[in-house]
Amino acid sequence: MSVSTSQQKLEKLTNITQGFQAFLYDCDGTLADNMQAHKDSYVEIAKEYGIDLDDNIIDELAGWPTILVATEIGKRYHKDFDAHEFADKKSRLFFDKFIDKTLPIDFVTNHLLAHVGKVKIGVVSGGRAKTVSKTLETLNLLDKIDVLVGAGDTEKGKPAPDPFLLAAQKLNVSPEHCIVFEDGQPGVDGAIAAGMQWVRIDKL
């Protein structure tokens, strides 16, 4: 993305988000330019189970917890495997092989940085807290956020509203005063169900 395009998107995002008390960012594909790395991790582990995975499924299920993505892969490819084992392998591979190479999505990370101390900031992700924390640390954002909600922090993940509502509760901000930043439909659906405004950063 060119500097001018990135700057234009930052300005647009800034205008859209004025007046809100809390910003809730997704991590992968929203703050972090790492969706291809996640896809590559899924594809590599799927091969161990005899699956030639079409990685478009990862775009479709963006925001789902890893365990649920693994379960869905098993259903669609008619493979009977331990979804927890698959998810653990995928997460370890991503953590060990890809996470240190994570790059920021500049206009979104710059938007976050510009609002530190001005609004409350949360990250709401379908990823595991350890992985998300390491990703945010790599991007030098971990100490800039007030709340992190990851997989397992609520009984239901995206597209359910639960993770967003928990973040709002922890930030002590009413849902109607929160805006959600997402790059996938499951996260948008969760934001809507939570009664929050939202923006698709990949559609700006």
N, C-alpha and C. Protein backbone atom coordinates (compact mmCIF):
# COMPACT_ATOMS: atom_id res chain seq x y z
N MET A 1 0.85 -1.20 0.00
CA MET A 1 0.00 0.00 0.00
C MET A 1 0.88 1.25 0.00
N SER A 2 0.59 2.18 -0.87
CA SER A 2 1.39 3.40 -0.95
C SER A 2 1.17 4.25 0.29
N VAL A 3 2.12 5.15 0.54
CA VAL A 3 2.01 6.02 1.70
C VAL A 3 0.76 6.88 1.61
N SER A 4 0.48 7.41 0.42
CA SER A 4 -0.68 8.28 0.26
C SER A 4 -1.98 7.52 0.51
N THR A 5 -2.06 6.29 -0.02
CA THR A 5 -3.26 5.48 0.18
C THR A 5 -3.43 5.15 1.65
N SER A 6 -2.33 4.79 2.32
CA SER A 6 -2.38 4.49 3.74
C SER A 6 -2.83 5.72 4.54
N GLN A 7 -2.31 6.88 4.19
CA GLN A 7 -2.68 8.11 4.88
C GLN A 7 -4.15 8.44 4.66
N GLN A 8 -4.63 8.23 3.43
CA GLN A 8 -6.04 8.48 3.13
C GLN A 8 -6.96 7.56 3.93
N LYS A 9 -6.55 6.31 4.05
CA LYS A 9 -7.35 5.36 4.82
C LYS A 9 -7.33 5.71 6.31
N LEU A 10 -6.19 6.17 6.80
CA LEU A 10 -6.10 6.59 8.19
C LEU A 10 -7.02 7.77 8.45
N GLU A 11 -7.03 8.74 7.56
CA GLU A 11 -7.90 9.90 7.72
C GLU A 11 -9.38 9.49 7.69
N LYS A 12 -9.72 8.60 6.78
CA LYS A 12 -11.09 8.11 6.68
C LYS A 12 -11.50 7.39 7.96
N LEU A 13 -10.60 6.53 8.46
CA LEU A 13 -10.87 5.79 9.69
C LEU A 13 -11.03 6.74 10.87
N THR A 14 -10.19 7.76 10.93
CA THR A 14 -10.27 8.74 12.02
C THR A 14 -11.60 9.47 12.01
N ASN A 15 -12.06 9.83 10.83
CA ASN A 15 -13.35 10.53 10.72
C ASN A 15 -14.52 9.64 11.13
N ILE A 16 -14.47 8.38 10.72
CA ILE A 16 -15.55 7.43 11.02
C ILE A 16 -15.68 7.20 12.52
N THR A 17 -14.55 7.23 13.23
CA THR A 17 -14.53 6.75 14.62
C THR A 17 -14.59 7.87 15.66
N GLN A 18 -14.84 9.05 15.24
CA GLN A 18 -14.94 10.17 16.20
C GLN A 18 -16.15 9.99 17.11
N GLY A 19 -15.97 10.31 18.38
CA GLY A 19 -17.08 10.32 19.32
C GLY A 19 -17.29 9.04 20.10
N PHE A 20 -16.56 7.99 19.77
CA PHE A 20 -16.69 6.74 20.51
C PHE A 20 -15.76 6.72 21.72
N GLN A 21 -16.18 5.98 22.75
CA GLN A 21 -15.41 5.92 23.99
C GLN A 21 -14.45 4.74 24.05
N ALA A 22 -14.69 3.74 23.20
CA ALA A 22 -13.83 2.55 23.20
C ALA A 22 -13.67 2.03 21.78
N PHE A 23 -12.44 1.64 21.46
CA PHE A 23 -12.12 1.03 20.18
C PHE A 23 -11.76 -0.43 20.43
N LEU A 24 -12.43 -1.34 19.73
CA LEU A 24 -12.17 -2.77 19.87
C LEU A 24 -11.65 -3.31 18.55
N TYR A 25 -10.37 -3.64 18.51
CA TYR A 25 -9.72 -4.08 17.29
C TYR A 25 -9.60 -5.61 17.25
N ASP A 26 -9.92 -6.19 16.10
CA ASP A 26 -9.49 -7.55 15.83
C ASP A 26 -7.97 -7.50 15.67
N CYS A 27 -7.32 -8.66 15.75
CA CYS A 27 -5.85 -8.67 15.61
C CYS A 27 -5.43 -9.12 14.21
N ASP A 28 -5.61 -10.40 13.92
CA ASP A 28 -5.11 -10.96 12.67
C ASP A 28 -5.90 -10.43 11.47
N GLY A 29 -5.19 -9.81 10.54
CA GLY A 29 -5.83 -9.25 9.36
C GLY A 29 -6.38 -7.86 9.56
N THR A 30 -6.33 -7.38 10.80
CA THR A 30 -6.83 -6.02 11.09
C THR A 30 -5.68 -5.14 11.58
N LEU A 31 -5.05 -5.53 12.67
CA LEU A 31 -3.83 -4.85 13.12
C LEU A 31 -2.60 -5.48 12.49
N ALA A 32 -2.65 -6.80 12.34
CA ALA A 32 -1.49 -7.56 11.87
C ALA A 32 -1.70 -8.08 10.45
N ASP A 33 -0.72 -7.82 9.60
CA ASP A 33 -0.76 -8.30 8.21
C ASP A 33 -0.20 -9.72 8.19
N ASN A 34 -1.01 -10.66 8.69
CA ASN A 34 -0.49 -12.03 8.87
C ASN A 34 -1.46 -13.12 8.43
N MET A 35 -2.49 -12.76 7.67
CA MET A 35 -3.48 -13.77 7.30
C MET A 35 -2.87 -14.86 6.40
N GLN A 36 -1.94 -14.48 5.53
CA GLN A 36 -1.33 -15.51 4.67
C GLN A 36 -0.52 -16.49 5.52
N ALA A 37 0.12 -15.98 6.55
CA ALA A 37 0.88 -16.86 7.44
C ALA A 37 -0.05 -17.84 8.16
N HIS A 38 -1.22 -17.35 8.58
CA HIS A 38 -2.19 -18.25 9.21
C HIS A 38 -2.67 -19.29 8.20
N LYS A 39 -2.95 -18.85 6.98
CA LYS A 39 -3.39 -19.79 5.94
C LYS A 39 -2.33 -20.87 5.70
N ASP A 40 -1.08 -20.43 5.58
CA ASP A 40 0.02 -21.37 5.33
C ASP A 40 0.14 -22.38 6.47
N SER A 41 -0.10 -21.92 7.69
CA SER A 41 -0.04 -22.82 8.85
C SER A 41 -1.14 -23.88 8.78
N TYR A 42 -2.35 -23.44 8.47
CA TYR A 42 -3.47 -24.38 8.34
C TYR A 42 -3.20 -25.40 7.24
N VAL A 43 -2.74 -24.92 6.09
CA VAL A 43 -2.49 -25.81 4.94
C VAL A 43 -1.44 -26.85 5.28
N GLU A 44 -0.37 -26.40 5.95
CA GLU A 44 0.73 -27.32 6.28
C GLU A 44 0.28 -28.41 7.25
N ILE A 45 -0.49 -28.03 8.26
CA ILE A 45 -0.96 -29.02 9.23
C ILE A 45 -2.01 -29.93 8.60
N ALA A 46 -2.87 -29.37 7.74
CA ALA A 46 -3.90 -30.18 7.09
C ALA A 46 -3.29 -31.32 6.29
N LYS A 47 -2.13 -31.07 5.69
CA LYS A 47 -1.45 -32.10 4.91
C LYS A 47 -1.13 -33.32 5.77
N GLU A 48 -0.83 -33.07 7.06
CA GLU A 48 -0.53 -34.18 7.97
C GLU A 48 -1.73 -35.11 8.15
N TYR A 49 -2.92 -34.56 7.87
CA TYR A 49 -4.16 -35.33 8.02
C TYR A 49 -4.71 -35.78 6.67
N GLY A 50 -3.86 -35.66 5.63
CA GLY A 50 -4.28 -36.10 4.31
C GLY A 50 -5.26 -35.17 3.63
N ILE A 51 -5.23 -33.88 4.01
CA ILE A 51 -6.16 -32.90 3.45
C ILE A 51 -5.41 -31.90 2.59
N ASP A 52 -5.86 -31.75 1.34
CA ASP A 52 -5.33 -30.71 0.45
C ASP A 52 -6.25 -29.49 0.63
N LEU A 53 -5.92 -28.67 1.61
CA LEU A 53 -6.83 -27.62 2.07
C LEU A 53 -6.88 -26.43 1.10
N ASP A 54 -8.10 -26.03 0.74
CA ASP A 54 -8.32 -24.78 0.01
C ASP A 54 -8.33 -23.67 1.05
N ASP A 55 -7.32 -22.79 1.00
CA ASP A 55 -7.20 -21.81 2.09
C ASP A 55 -8.24 -20.71 2.05
N ASN A 56 -9.13 -20.71 1.06
CA ASN A 56 -10.24 -19.74 1.06
C ASN A 56 -11.15 -19.93 2.27
N ILE A 57 -11.14 -21.14 2.84
CA ILE A 57 -11.96 -21.38 4.03
C ILE A 57 -11.52 -20.50 5.19
N ILE A 58 -10.24 -20.13 5.22
CA ILE A 58 -9.74 -19.30 6.31
C ILE A 58 -10.28 -17.87 6.19
N ASP A 59 -10.41 -17.38 4.95
CA ASP A 59 -11.05 -16.08 4.75
C ASP A 59 -12.51 -16.13 5.17
N GLU A 60 -13.17 -17.20 4.79
CA GLU A 60 -14.60 -17.35 5.09
C GLU A 60 -14.86 -17.36 6.59
N LEU A 61 -13.97 -18.01 7.32
CA LEU A 61 -14.18 -18.19 8.76
C LEU A 61 -13.33 -17.23 9.59
N ALA A 62 -12.87 -16.15 8.97
CA ALA A 62 -12.01 -15.18 9.66
C ALA A 62 -12.63 -14.75 10.98
N GLY A 63 -11.85 -14.89 12.05
CA GLY A 63 -12.35 -14.49 13.37
C GLY A 63 -12.80 -15.65 14.23
N TRP A 64 -13.08 -16.80 13.60
CA TRP A 64 -13.47 -17.97 14.38
C TRP A 64 -12.29 -18.45 15.23
N PRO A 65 -12.55 -18.97 16.42
CA PRO A 65 -11.47 -19.60 17.19
C PRO A 65 -10.85 -20.76 16.40
N THR A 66 -9.56 -20.97 16.60
CA THR A 66 -8.83 -21.99 15.85
C THR A 66 -9.46 -23.37 15.98
N ILE A 67 -9.92 -23.71 17.17
CA ILE A 67 -10.52 -25.03 17.40
C ILE A 67 -11.76 -25.22 16.55
N LEU A 68 -12.55 -24.16 16.37
CA LEU A 68 -13.76 -24.28 15.56
C LEU A 68 -13.44 -24.35 14.07
N VAL A 69 -12.39 -23.64 13.65
CA VAL A 69 -11.94 -23.75 12.26
C VAL A 69 -11.49 -25.18 11.98
N ALA A 70 -10.72 -25.75 12.90
CA ALA A 70 -10.25 -27.13 12.75
C ALA A 70 -11.43 -28.09 12.66
N THR A 71 -12.43 -27.89 13.50
CA THR A 71 -13.63 -28.75 13.48
C THR A 71 -14.35 -28.64 12.13
N GLU A 72 -14.46 -27.42 11.62
CA GLU A 72 -15.14 -27.20 10.34
C GLU A 72 -14.37 -27.83 9.19
N ILE A 73 -13.05 -27.76 9.24
CA ILE A 73 -12.23 -28.41 8.22
C ILE A 73 -12.49 -29.91 8.20
N GLY A 74 -12.55 -30.51 9.38
CA GLY A 74 -12.84 -31.93 9.47
C GLY A 74 -14.18 -32.29 8.86
N LYS A 75 -15.19 -31.45 9.13
CA LYS A 75 -16.53 -31.71 8.58
C LYS A 75 -16.53 -31.62 7.06
N ARG A 76 -15.93 -30.56 6.54
CA ARG A 76 -16.00 -30.32 5.09
C ARG A 76 -15.20 -31.33 4.28
N TYR A 77 -14.11 -31.82 4.88
CA TYR A 77 -13.27 -32.77 4.15
C TYR A 77 -13.52 -34.21 4.60
N HIS A 78 -14.56 -34.38 5.43
CA HIS A 78 -14.99 -35.71 5.87
C HIS A 78 -13.83 -36.50 6.47
N LYS A 79 -13.09 -35.82 7.34
CA LYS A 79 -11.97 -36.45 8.05
C LYS A 79 -12.27 -36.47 9.54
N ASP A 80 -12.05 -37.62 10.14
CA ASP A 80 -12.29 -37.77 11.57
C ASP A 80 -10.96 -37.64 12.30
N PHE A 81 -10.72 -36.45 12.86
CA PHE A 81 -9.49 -36.24 13.63
C PHE A 81 -9.81 -35.44 14.88
N ASP A 82 -8.85 -35.40 15.77
CA ASP A 82 -8.99 -34.66 17.02
C ASP A 82 -8.78 -33.17 16.72
N ALA A 83 -9.84 -32.39 16.77
CA ALA A 83 -9.75 -30.98 16.42
C ALA A 83 -8.84 -30.21 17.37
N HIS A 84 -8.82 -30.62 18.63
CA HIS A 84 -7.93 -29.96 19.60
C HIS A 84 -6.46 -30.19 19.22
N GLU A 85 -6.16 -31.42 18.81
CA GLU A 85 -4.79 -31.74 18.39
C GLU A 85 -4.41 -30.93 17.16
N PHE A 86 -5.31 -30.88 16.18
CA PHE A 86 -5.07 -30.09 14.96
C PHE A 86 -4.82 -28.63 15.32
N ALA A 87 -5.68 -28.08 16.16
CA ALA A 87 -5.56 -26.66 16.54
C ALA A 87 -4.26 -26.40 17.28
N ASP A 88 -3.87 -27.33 18.15
CA ASP A 88 -2.61 -27.16 18.89
C ASP A 88 -1.42 -27.16 17.93
N LYS A 89 -1.42 -28.09 16.98
CA LYS A 89 -0.33 -28.16 16.01
C LYS A 89 -0.26 -26.90 15.16
N LYS A 90 -1.42 -26.43 14.72
CA LYS A 90 -1.47 -25.22 13.89
C LYS A 90 -0.93 -24.03 14.66
N SER A 91 -1.36 -23.88 15.91
CA SER A 91 -0.94 -22.75 16.72
C SER A 91 0.56 -22.79 17.00
N ARG A 92 1.09 -23.98 17.28
CA ARG A 92 2.53 -24.11 17.53
C ARG A 92 3.33 -23.77 16.29
N LEU A 93 2.88 -24.27 15.13
CA LEU A 93 3.59 -23.99 13.88
C LEU A 93 3.60 -22.50 13.59
N PHE A 94 2.45 -21.85 13.74
CA PHE A 94 2.38 -20.41 13.48
C PHE A 94 3.30 -19.65 14.43
N PHE A 95 3.25 -20.03 15.69
CA PHE A 95 4.05 -19.35 16.72
C PHE A 95 5.54 -19.51 16.43
N ASP A 96 5.95 -20.73 16.08
CA ASP A 96 7.38 -21.02 15.92
C ASP A 96 7.94 -20.53 14.59
N LYS A 97 7.14 -20.57 13.54
CA LYS A 97 7.66 -20.34 12.19
C LYS A 97 7.37 -18.94 11.65
N PHE A 98 6.25 -18.36 12.06
CA PHE A 98 5.78 -17.16 11.38
C PHE A 98 5.67 -15.89 12.24
N ILE A 99 5.45 -16.05 13.53
CA ILE A 99 4.98 -14.91 14.31
C ILE A 99 6.00 -13.77 14.39
N ASP A 100 7.28 -14.09 14.41
CA ASP A 100 8.30 -13.05 14.52
C ASP A 100 8.42 -12.21 13.25
N LYS A 101 7.81 -12.68 12.16
CA LYS A 101 7.86 -11.96 10.89
C LYS A 101 6.62 -11.08 10.67
N THR A 102 5.78 -10.98 11.68
CA THR A 102 4.52 -10.24 11.56
C THR A 102 4.77 -8.76 11.27
N LEU A 103 4.06 -8.25 10.29
CA LEU A 103 4.11 -6.83 9.94
C LEU A 103 2.80 -6.16 10.27
N PRO A 104 2.82 -4.85 10.51
CA PRO A 104 1.58 -4.14 10.84
C PRO A 104 0.78 -3.78 9.59
N ILE A 105 -0.51 -3.63 9.76
CA ILE A 105 -1.33 -2.94 8.77
C ILE A 105 -1.29 -1.47 9.21
N ASP A 106 -0.47 -0.71 8.52
CA ASP A 106 -0.03 0.59 9.03
C ASP A 106 -1.16 1.54 9.41
N PHE A 107 -2.15 1.69 8.54
CA PHE A 107 -3.15 2.72 8.83
C PHE A 107 -4.01 2.35 10.04
N VAL A 108 -4.15 1.05 10.32
CA VAL A 108 -4.92 0.63 11.49
C VAL A 108 -4.07 0.76 12.76
N THR A 109 -2.82 0.30 12.70
CA THR A 109 -1.97 0.43 13.89
C THR A 109 -1.70 1.89 14.20
N ASN A 110 -1.56 2.73 13.19
CA ASN A 110 -1.36 4.16 13.43
C ASN A 110 -2.61 4.80 14.03
N HIS A 111 -3.77 4.31 13.63
CA HIS A 111 -5.02 4.79 14.22
C HIS A 111 -5.06 4.45 15.70
N LEU A 112 -4.69 3.22 16.04
CA LEU A 112 -4.64 2.81 17.45
C LEU A 112 -3.67 3.70 18.23
N LEU A 113 -2.47 3.85 17.70
CA LEU A 113 -1.44 4.61 18.42
C LEU A 113 -1.85 6.07 18.63
N ALA A 114 -2.57 6.62 17.66
CA ALA A 114 -2.98 8.02 17.76
C ALA A 114 -4.04 8.25 18.85
N HIS A 115 -4.66 7.15 19.31
CA HIS A 115 -5.74 7.30 20.29
C HIS A 115 -5.41 6.75 21.67
N VAL A 116 -4.16 6.31 21.86
CA VAL A 116 -3.75 5.84 23.18
C VAL A 116 -3.90 6.97 24.19
N GLY A 117 -4.60 6.66 25.29
CA GLY A 117 -4.81 7.67 26.33
C GLY A 117 -6.00 8.58 26.08
N LYS A 118 -6.59 8.50 24.88
CA LYS A 118 -7.74 9.34 24.54
C LYS A 118 -9.05 8.56 24.60
N VAL A 119 -8.99 7.30 24.18
CA VAL A 119 -10.14 6.40 24.32
C VAL A 119 -9.62 5.09 24.90
N LYS A 120 -10.56 4.26 25.36
CA LYS A 120 -10.17 2.95 25.86
C LYS A 120 -9.98 2.00 24.68
N ILE A 121 -8.96 1.15 24.77
CA ILE A 121 -8.58 0.32 23.64
C ILE A 121 -8.55 -1.15 24.04
N GLY A 122 -9.28 -1.95 23.27
CA GLY A 122 -9.28 -3.39 23.48
C GLY A 122 -8.95 -4.13 22.20
N VAL A 123 -8.44 -5.34 22.35
CA VAL A 123 -8.25 -6.24 21.22
C VAL A 123 -9.13 -7.46 21.48
N VAL A 124 -9.96 -7.78 20.50
CA VAL A 124 -10.89 -8.91 20.61
C VAL A 124 -10.60 -9.85 19.45
N SER A 125 -10.05 -11.03 19.77
CA SER A 125 -9.55 -11.93 18.75
C SER A 125 -10.06 -13.34 18.96
N GLY A 126 -10.16 -14.08 17.85
CA GLY A 126 -10.47 -15.50 17.94
C GLY A 126 -9.24 -16.34 18.21
N GLY A 127 -8.07 -15.71 18.23
CA GLY A 127 -6.82 -16.41 18.49
C GLY A 127 -6.59 -16.63 19.98
N ARG A 128 -5.66 -17.50 20.27
CA ARG A 128 -5.32 -17.77 21.67
C ARG A 128 -4.56 -16.59 22.25
N ALA A 129 -4.78 -16.35 23.52
CA ALA A 129 -4.21 -15.17 24.17
C ALA A 129 -2.69 -15.14 24.04
N LYS A 130 -2.03 -16.31 24.17
CA LYS A 130 -0.57 -16.36 24.07
C LYS A 130 -0.11 -15.89 22.69
N THR A 131 -0.78 -16.38 21.65
CA THR A 131 -0.40 -16.03 20.28
C THR A 131 -0.70 -14.57 19.98
N VAL A 132 -1.88 -14.11 20.40
CA VAL A 132 -2.27 -12.72 20.15
C VAL A 132 -1.34 -11.77 20.90
N SER A 133 -1.02 -12.10 22.13
CA SER A 133 -0.11 -11.26 22.92
C SER A 133 1.25 -11.15 22.25
N LYS A 134 1.76 -12.28 21.76
CA LYS A 134 3.07 -12.28 21.08
C LYS A 134 3.00 -11.46 19.79
N THR A 135 1.90 -11.57 19.06
CA THR A 135 1.71 -10.79 17.84
C THR A 135 1.72 -9.30 18.16
N LEU A 136 0.97 -8.91 19.19
CA LEU A 136 0.91 -7.50 19.58
C LEU A 136 2.27 -7.01 20.09
N GLU A 137 2.99 -7.88 20.76
CA GLU A 137 4.33 -7.52 21.24
C GLU A 137 5.26 -7.28 20.06
N THR A 138 5.17 -8.14 19.04
CA THR A 138 5.99 -7.98 17.84
C THR A 138 5.70 -6.66 17.14
N LEU A 139 4.45 -6.22 17.21
CA LEU A 139 4.03 -4.96 16.59
C LEU A 139 4.23 -3.75 17.52
N ASN A 140 4.77 -4.00 18.72
CA ASN A 140 4.97 -2.95 19.72
C ASN A 140 3.66 -2.29 20.14
N LEU A 141 2.62 -3.11 20.25
CA LEU A 141 1.30 -2.60 20.63
C LEU A 141 0.80 -3.15 21.96
N LEU A 142 1.44 -4.19 22.48
CA LEU A 142 0.89 -4.89 23.64
C LEU A 142 0.69 -3.96 24.84
N ASP A 143 1.64 -3.06 25.05
CA ASP A 143 1.53 -2.18 26.22
C ASP A 143 0.64 -0.96 25.95
N LYS A 144 0.05 -0.92 24.75
CA LYS A 144 -0.80 0.22 24.39
C LYS A 144 -2.28 -0.08 24.60
N ILE A 145 -2.62 -1.35 24.85
CA ILE A 145 -4.02 -1.73 24.95
C ILE A 145 -4.43 -1.90 26.41
N ASP A 146 -5.72 -1.72 26.65
CA ASP A 146 -6.25 -1.83 28.02
C ASP A 146 -6.79 -3.23 28.32
N VAL A 147 -7.31 -3.91 27.29
CA VAL A 147 -7.96 -5.21 27.49
C VAL A 147 -7.68 -6.10 26.28
N LEU A 148 -7.43 -7.38 26.56
CA LEU A 148 -7.31 -8.38 25.50
C LEU A 148 -8.30 -9.50 25.79
N VAL A 149 -9.17 -9.78 24.83
CA VAL A 149 -10.09 -10.92 24.93
C VAL A 149 -9.75 -11.87 23.79
N GLY A 150 -9.39 -13.11 24.16
CA GLY A 150 -9.01 -14.09 23.16
C GLY A 150 -9.85 -15.35 23.26
N ALA A 151 -9.48 -16.35 22.46
CA ALA A 151 -10.20 -17.63 22.45
C ALA A 151 -10.21 -18.23 23.85
N GLY A 152 -11.37 -18.69 24.26
CA GLY A 152 -11.50 -19.33 25.56
C GLY A 152 -11.88 -18.39 26.69
N ASP A 153 -11.82 -17.08 26.44
CA ASP A 153 -12.21 -16.13 27.48
C ASP A 153 -13.72 -16.05 27.63
N THR A 154 -14.44 -16.47 26.60
CA THR A 154 -15.90 -16.57 26.66
C THR A 154 -16.30 -17.94 26.14
N GLU A 155 -17.45 -18.42 26.57
CA GLU A 155 -17.90 -19.75 26.14
C GLU A 155 -18.09 -19.79 24.62
N LYS A 156 -18.63 -18.70 24.08
CA LYS A 156 -18.85 -18.61 22.63
C LYS A 156 -17.94 -17.52 22.06
N GLY A 157 -17.32 -17.81 20.92
CA GLY A 157 -16.50 -16.83 20.23
C GLY A 157 -17.28 -16.18 19.10
N LYS A 158 -16.60 -15.34 18.32
CA LYS A 158 -17.23 -14.76 17.15
C LYS A 158 -17.78 -15.89 16.26
N PRO A 159 -18.97 -15.73 15.66
CA PRO A 159 -19.76 -14.51 15.49
C PRO A 159 -20.73 -14.20 16.63
N ALA A 160 -20.63 -14.90 17.75
CA ALA A 160 -21.44 -14.54 18.92
C ALA A 160 -20.97 -13.19 19.47
N PRO A 161 -21.84 -12.47 20.16
CA PRO A 161 -21.46 -11.17 20.71
C PRO A 161 -20.60 -11.24 21.96
N ASP A 162 -20.49 -12.42 22.56
CA ASP A 162 -19.90 -12.57 23.89
C ASP A 162 -18.51 -11.94 24.05
N PRO A 163 -17.56 -12.16 23.11
CA PRO A 163 -16.23 -11.57 23.32
C PRO A 163 -16.26 -10.04 23.34
N PHE A 164 -17.09 -9.45 22.49
CA PHE A 164 -17.19 -7.99 22.45
C PHE A 164 -17.83 -7.44 23.72
N LEU A 165 -18.85 -8.14 24.19
CA LEU A 165 -19.53 -7.68 25.41
C LEU A 165 -18.62 -7.81 26.63
N LEU A 166 -17.79 -8.85 26.66
CA LEU A 166 -16.84 -9.00 27.76
C LEU A 166 -15.82 -7.86 27.73
N ALA A 167 -15.32 -7.53 26.55
CA ALA A 167 -14.36 -6.43 26.44
C ALA A 167 -14.97 -5.12 26.90
N ALA A 168 -16.21 -4.85 26.47
CA ALA A 168 -16.89 -3.62 26.88
C ALA A 168 -17.08 -3.58 28.39
N GLN A 169 -17.44 -4.73 28.96
CA GLN A 169 -17.62 -4.82 30.41
C GLN A 169 -16.31 -4.52 31.15
N LYS A 170 -15.22 -5.11 30.66
CA LYS A 170 -13.92 -4.89 31.30
C LYS A 170 -13.46 -3.45 31.17
N LEU A 171 -13.85 -2.80 30.07
CA LEU A 171 -13.47 -1.41 29.85
C LEU A 171 -14.45 -0.43 30.52
N ASN A 172 -15.56 -0.99 31.02
CA ASN A 172 -16.60 -0.18 31.66
C ASN A 172 -17.18 0.86 30.69
N VAL A 173 -17.44 0.39 29.46
CA VAL A 173 -18.03 1.23 28.42
C VAL A 173 -19.25 0.52 27.86
N SER A 174 -20.37 1.23 27.72
CA SER A 174 -21.59 0.64 27.17
C SER A 174 -21.36 0.24 25.70
N PRO A 175 -21.98 -0.85 25.26
CA PRO A 175 -21.79 -1.31 23.88
C PRO A 175 -22.04 -0.24 22.82
N GLU A 176 -23.04 0.61 23.04
CA GLU A 176 -23.35 1.62 22.02
C GLU A 176 -22.26 2.67 21.88
N HIS A 177 -21.34 2.72 22.83
CA HIS A 177 -20.24 3.68 22.77
C HIS A 177 -18.93 3.03 22.30
N CYS A 178 -19.05 1.77 21.83
CA CYS A 178 -17.88 1.05 21.31
C CYS A 178 -17.97 0.94 19.79
N ILE A 179 -16.83 0.98 19.14
CA ILE A 179 -16.77 0.69 17.71
C ILE A 179 -15.74 -0.41 17.49
N VAL A 180 -16.11 -1.34 16.60
CA VAL A 180 -15.32 -2.55 16.36
C VAL A 180 -14.63 -2.44 15.00
N PHE A 181 -13.37 -2.86 14.95
CA PHE A 181 -12.57 -2.86 13.72
C PHE A 181 -12.33 -4.31 13.31
N GLU A 182 -12.79 -4.67 12.12
CA GLU A 182 -12.73 -6.07 11.68
C GLU A 182 -12.32 -6.18 10.22
N ASP A 183 -11.92 -7.40 9.85
CA ASP A 183 -11.63 -7.69 8.45
C ASP A 183 -12.41 -8.89 7.96
N GLY A 184 -13.35 -9.38 8.77
CA GLY A 184 -14.12 -10.57 8.38
C GLY A 184 -15.56 -10.48 8.83
N GLN A 185 -16.44 -11.18 8.13
CA GLN A 185 -17.87 -11.12 8.43
C GLN A 185 -18.24 -11.70 9.79
N PRO A 186 -17.60 -12.80 10.26
CA PRO A 186 -17.96 -13.30 11.59
C PRO A 186 -17.78 -12.25 12.69
N GLY A 187 -16.71 -11.47 12.60
CA GLY A 187 -16.49 -10.41 13.59
C GLY A 187 -17.52 -9.31 13.49
N VAL A 188 -17.88 -8.95 12.27
CA VAL A 188 -18.93 -7.94 12.06
C VAL A 188 -20.26 -8.43 12.63
N ASP A 189 -20.58 -9.68 12.37
CA ASP A 189 -21.82 -10.25 12.90
C ASP A 189 -21.84 -10.20 14.43
N GLY A 190 -20.69 -10.49 15.04
CA GLY A 190 -20.59 -10.43 16.50
C GLY A 190 -20.76 -9.02 17.02
N ALA A 191 -20.18 -8.05 16.33
CA ALA A 191 -20.32 -6.65 16.72
C ALA A 191 -21.77 -6.19 16.65
N ILE A 192 -22.44 -6.56 15.56
CA ILE A 192 -23.85 -6.19 15.39
C ILE A 192 -24.69 -6.81 16.50
N ALA A 193 -24.44 -8.08 16.78
CA ALA A 193 -25.20 -8.78 17.84
C ALA A 193 -24.95 -8.16 19.21
N ALA A 194 -23.76 -7.55 19.37
CA ALA A 194 -23.42 -6.90 20.65
C ALA A 194 -23.98 -5.48 20.74
N GLY A 195 -24.59 -4.99 19.66
CA GLY A 195 -25.13 -3.64 19.65
C GLY A 195 -24.08 -2.57 19.47
N MET A 196 -23.00 -2.94 18.78
CA MET A 196 -21.89 -2.02 18.57
C MET A 196 -21.80 -1.59 17.11
N GLN A 197 -21.25 -0.40 16.89
CA GLN A 197 -20.94 0.03 15.54
C GLN A 197 -19.67 -0.69 15.08
N TRP A 198 -19.43 -0.70 13.78
CA TRP A 198 -18.30 -1.46 13.27
C TRP A 198 -17.79 -0.84 11.97
N VAL A 199 -16.56 -1.22 11.61
CA VAL A 199 -15.97 -0.81 10.34
C VAL A 199 -15.14 -1.98 9.81
N ARG A 200 -15.30 -2.27 8.52
CA ARG A 200 -14.48 -3.29 7.86
C ARG A 200 -13.26 -2.59 7.29
N ILE A 201 -12.11 -2.84 7.89
CA ILE A 201 -10.92 -2.10 7.45
C ILE A 201 -10.46 -2.51 6.05
N ASP A 202 -10.85 -3.73 5.65
CA ASP A 202 -10.47 -4.19 4.32
C ASP A 202 -11.38 -3.63 3.22
N LYS A 203 -12.44 -2.92 3.62
CA LYS A 203 -13.38 -2.35 2.65
C LYS A 203 -13.23 -0.85 2.50
N LEU A 204 -12.31 -0.24 3.24
CA LEU A 204 -12.14 1.22 3.17
C LEU A 204 -11.56 1.62 1.83
